[in-house]
Protein backbone atom coordinates (compact mmCIF):
# COMPACT_ATOMS: atom_id res chain seq x y z
CA MET A 1 64.29 9.54 34.24
CA SER A 2 64.41 13.07 32.45
CA PHE A 3 64.59 13.64 28.59
CA GLN A 4 67.68 15.76 29.63
CA SER A 5 69.67 12.38 30.23
CA LEU A 6 68.79 10.88 27.10
CA GLY A 7 70.82 12.73 25.14
CA LEU A 8 68.59 14.90 22.97
CA SER A 9 69.68 18.04 21.58
CA LYS A 10 68.36 21.49 23.51
CA PRO A 11 65.86 22.39 20.49
CA LEU A 12 64.06 19.02 21.24
CA LEU A 13 64.23 19.61 25.12
CA ASP A 14 62.72 23.08 24.77
CA ALA A 15 60.02 21.65 22.45
CA LEU A 16 59.43 19.28 25.39
CA ALA A 17 59.58 22.06 27.83
CA ALA A 18 56.86 23.92 25.85
CA LYS A 19 54.50 21.18 26.17
CA ASP A 20 55.26 20.48 30.05
CA TYR A 21 56.89 17.28 29.32
CA SER A 22 60.16 16.33 31.72
CA GLN A 23 60.09 12.55 32.69
CA ALA A 24 60.35 9.95 29.76
CA THR A 25 57.92 6.92 30.05
CA PRO A 26 59.45 3.37 29.87
CA ILE A 27 59.21 2.60 26.05
CA GLN A 28 60.79 6.39 25.42
CA LEU A 29 63.68 5.27 28.02
CA GLN A 30 64.67 1.90 25.92
CA ALA A 31 63.68 3.55 22.46
CA ILE A 32 65.33 6.69 22.12
CA PRO A 33 68.66 5.93 22.84
CA THR A 34 68.51 2.81 20.20
CA VAL A 35 66.96 5.32 17.47
CA LEU A 36 69.83 7.98 18.52
CA THR A 37 72.73 5.41 17.53
CA GLY A 38 70.62 4.43 14.00
CA ARG A 39 69.85 1.08 15.20
CA ASP A 40 66.99 -0.89 13.90
CA LEU A 41 64.00 -1.07 16.66
CA LEU A 42 60.92 -3.10 17.10
CA GLY A 43 58.94 -1.60 19.93
CA ILE A 44 55.68 -2.77 21.54
CA ALA A 45 53.81 -0.43 24.34
CA GLN A 46 50.13 0.14 25.19
CA THR A 47 48.42 3.23 24.08
CA GLY A 48 49.02 6.24 25.59
CA THR A 49 52.68 5.68 27.04
CA GLY A 50 54.18 7.77 24.66
CA LYS A 51 55.22 5.71 21.60
CA THR A 52 55.03 8.32 19.07
CA ALA A 53 57.50 10.53 20.83
CA ALA A 54 59.79 7.45 21.43
CA PHE A 55 60.64 7.19 17.87
CA MET A 56 60.30 10.51 16.78
CA LEU A 57 62.27 12.54 19.30
CA PRO A 58 65.47 10.54 18.28
CA SER A 59 64.62 10.43 14.69
CA LEU A 60 64.05 14.26 14.22
CA ASP A 61 67.63 14.41 16.34
CA ARG A 62 69.06 12.61 13.85
CA LEU A 63 67.68 14.32 10.62
CA ALA A 64 68.71 17.77 12.31
CA ALA A 65 72.19 17.04 13.11
CA ALA A 66 72.92 15.88 9.33
CA ARG A 67 71.96 19.26 8.13
CA GLN A 68 70.89 17.87 4.79
CA ILE A 69 67.91 19.62 2.65
CA PRO A 70 66.02 17.24 1.06
CA LYS A 71 65.54 17.19 -2.57
CA PRO A 72 62.06 18.04 -4.80
CA GLY A 73 60.17 14.77 -4.84
CA GLN A 74 62.38 13.18 -1.95
CA ILE A 75 61.94 12.49 1.73
CA ARG A 76 64.84 11.61 4.59
CA MET A 77 62.09 10.07 6.98
CA LEU A 78 58.92 8.06 6.23
CA VAL A 79 56.26 7.06 9.05
CA LEU A 80 53.77 4.63 7.59
CA ALA A 81 50.37 4.43 9.58
CA PRO A 82 47.07 2.60 8.86
CA THR A 83 44.55 5.32 9.13
CA ARG A 84 44.44 9.16 7.96
CA GLU A 85 43.51 9.53 11.69
CA LEU A 86 46.56 8.56 13.11
CA ALA A 87 48.85 9.75 10.34
CA SER A 88 47.53 13.18 10.83
CA GLN A 89 48.13 13.18 14.75
CA ILE A 90 51.72 11.77 14.07
CA ALA A 91 52.48 14.99 11.95
CA ALA A 92 51.27 17.33 14.10
CA SER A 93 53.46 15.44 16.90
CA ALA A 94 56.43 15.78 14.58
CA GLU A 95 55.43 19.75 13.91
CA ALA A 96 55.28 20.14 17.64
CA TYR A 97 58.33 18.68 18.83
CA GLY A 98 60.32 20.11 16.10
CA LYS A 99 59.25 23.38 16.55
CA PHE A 100 62.53 24.78 17.33
CA MET A 101 64.39 23.28 14.24
CA ARG A 102 64.59 23.70 10.47
CA LEU A 103 62.91 20.88 9.35
CA SER A 104 59.83 20.15 7.36
CA VAL A 105 56.69 18.05 7.44
CA GLY A 106 54.32 16.47 5.50
CA VAL A 107 51.08 14.42 5.56
CA ILE A 108 49.51 12.63 2.74
CA PHE A 109 46.41 10.31 2.85
CA GLY A 110 43.61 9.01 0.79
CA GLY A 111 40.22 10.73 0.64
CA VAL A 112 41.79 14.01 -0.53
CA PRO A 113 42.65 15.27 -4.23
CA ASN A 114 45.72 13.71 -5.64
CA HIS A 115 47.06 16.91 -6.45
CA LYS A 116 47.01 18.20 -2.96
CA SER A 117 49.10 14.86 -1.97
CA VAL A 118 51.50 15.82 -5.25
CA ARG A 119 51.82 19.40 -3.82
CA THR A 120 52.82 18.38 -0.37
CA VAL A 121 55.96 16.38 -1.44
CA ALA A 122 56.95 18.24 -4.81
CA ARG A 123 59.66 20.40 -2.76
CA GLY A 124 60.66 17.58 -0.94
CA LEU A 125 60.34 17.07 2.93
CA ASP A 126 62.33 15.89 5.91
CA VAL A 127 59.48 14.06 7.44
CA LEU A 128 56.60 12.41 5.53
CA VAL A 129 53.65 10.53 7.31
CA ALA A 130 51.54 8.61 5.19
CA THR A 131 49.15 5.88 4.41
CA PRO A 132 50.47 3.04 2.46
CA GLY A 133 48.04 3.47 -0.46
CA ARG A 134 48.68 7.07 -0.76
CA LEU A 135 52.26 6.47 -0.72
CA LEU A 136 52.16 4.02 -3.46
CA ASP A 137 49.80 6.29 -5.28
CA LEU A 138 52.78 9.21 -5.63
CA ILE A 139 55.33 6.78 -5.99
CA ASP A 140 53.41 4.97 -9.09
CA GLN A 141 52.91 8.33 -10.53
CA ARG A 142 56.80 9.48 -10.00
CA ALA A 143 55.70 12.42 -8.04
CA LEU A 144 57.75 10.56 -4.95
CA THR A 145 61.03 8.60 -4.81
CA LEU A 146 62.52 7.17 -1.51
CA ARG A 147 66.05 7.34 -3.22
CA GLU A 148 67.11 9.45 -0.19
CA LEU A 149 65.19 7.90 2.60
CA GLU A 150 67.41 7.74 6.02
CA ILE A 151 64.65 6.39 8.27
CA LEU A 152 61.55 4.10 8.08
CA VAL A 153 58.73 3.85 10.68
CA LEU A 154 56.25 1.66 10.40
CA ASP A 155 53.42 2.71 12.91
CA GLU A 156 50.74 0.15 14.10
CA ALA A 157 52.23 -2.30 11.87
CA ASP A 158 50.01 -5.07 13.17
CA GLN A 159 47.05 -3.16 12.55
CA MET A 160 48.37 -2.19 8.66
CA LEU A 161 48.74 -5.97 8.00
CA ASP A 162 45.25 -6.83 9.56
CA LEU A 163 44.00 -4.24 7.59
CA GLY A 164 45.58 -5.96 4.34
CA PHE A 165 48.35 -3.63 3.42
CA ILE A 166 50.94 -6.57 3.53
CA HIS A 167 51.44 -6.25 -0.32
CA ALA A 168 52.26 -2.38 -0.11
CA LEU A 169 54.18 -2.90 2.60
CA LYS A 170 56.43 -5.33 0.94
CA ARG A 171 56.56 -3.38 -2.18
CA ILE A 172 57.43 -0.11 0.17
CA VAL A 173 60.37 -1.97 2.20
CA ALA A 174 61.55 -3.48 -1.28
CA TRP A 175 61.94 0.02 -2.74
CA CYS A 176 63.93 1.10 0.22
CA ARG A 177 66.21 -1.66 0.25
CA ARG A 178 67.16 -1.14 -3.32
CA SER A 179 67.87 2.47 -2.74
CA ALA A 180 69.35 1.83 0.90
CA ARG A 181 72.52 4.14 0.97
CA PRO A 182 74.59 5.48 3.98
CA CYS A 183 73.28 8.48 5.80
CA SER A 184 75.45 10.83 7.53
CA SER A 185 73.95 11.27 11.09
CA ARG A 186 74.89 11.55 14.94
CA PRO A 187 76.93 8.90 16.02
CA PRO A 188 77.05 6.54 14.47
CA CYS A 189 74.61 5.83 11.64
CA ARG A 190 75.50 3.19 9.23
CA GLY A 191 72.62 2.72 6.71
CA ARG A 192 68.98 3.20 7.12
CA SER A 193 67.07 2.85 10.40
CA ARG A 194 64.03 1.25 10.71
CA SER A 195 61.35 1.67 13.79
CA LEU A 196 58.26 -0.56 13.97
CA PRO A 197 56.50 0.88 17.13
CA THR A 198 52.99 -0.96 17.92
CA ALA A 199 50.55 -0.72 20.36
CA THR A 200 48.89 -3.41 22.74
């Protein structure tokens, strides 16, 4: 089935065409309509089946439709990943899919000077991809809040648990729950949506 049949906006379809993507994979066919309506999602698929696009495409669509500007030190969508390599790949995909949208994307992870991460989030971002440890560093420093968060994604959640991030994830999810607020996005979004894609 083609991406055009899934209800994605023209800027996203143009970005997919630029990458020569026309047919959606099974995980994308199931995930995209669900995320577009703002519902929670748990997805399991093999590596290489387009899992990142499955959650990123509809999420970008929702963010663009809401036309909100992120405030300094705040983010609208958070994607947590277990490693810096995966975080970088996800951020690159977000930039590629959103190339015809006015959405800001940033990525933070350990192993780089802390002040660079602070600078990344200082102006506010539509999409932030992060490893749990560095995200908690910035929250503890009050360089970042999750007050305006609309979409939360835990990518490779099982691997993050295997790596010992369970306490970090519990803290992050607890903050999200405390700051939960309605978000205005394309139909119908009631509250915050969460995606937990993982690979087999």
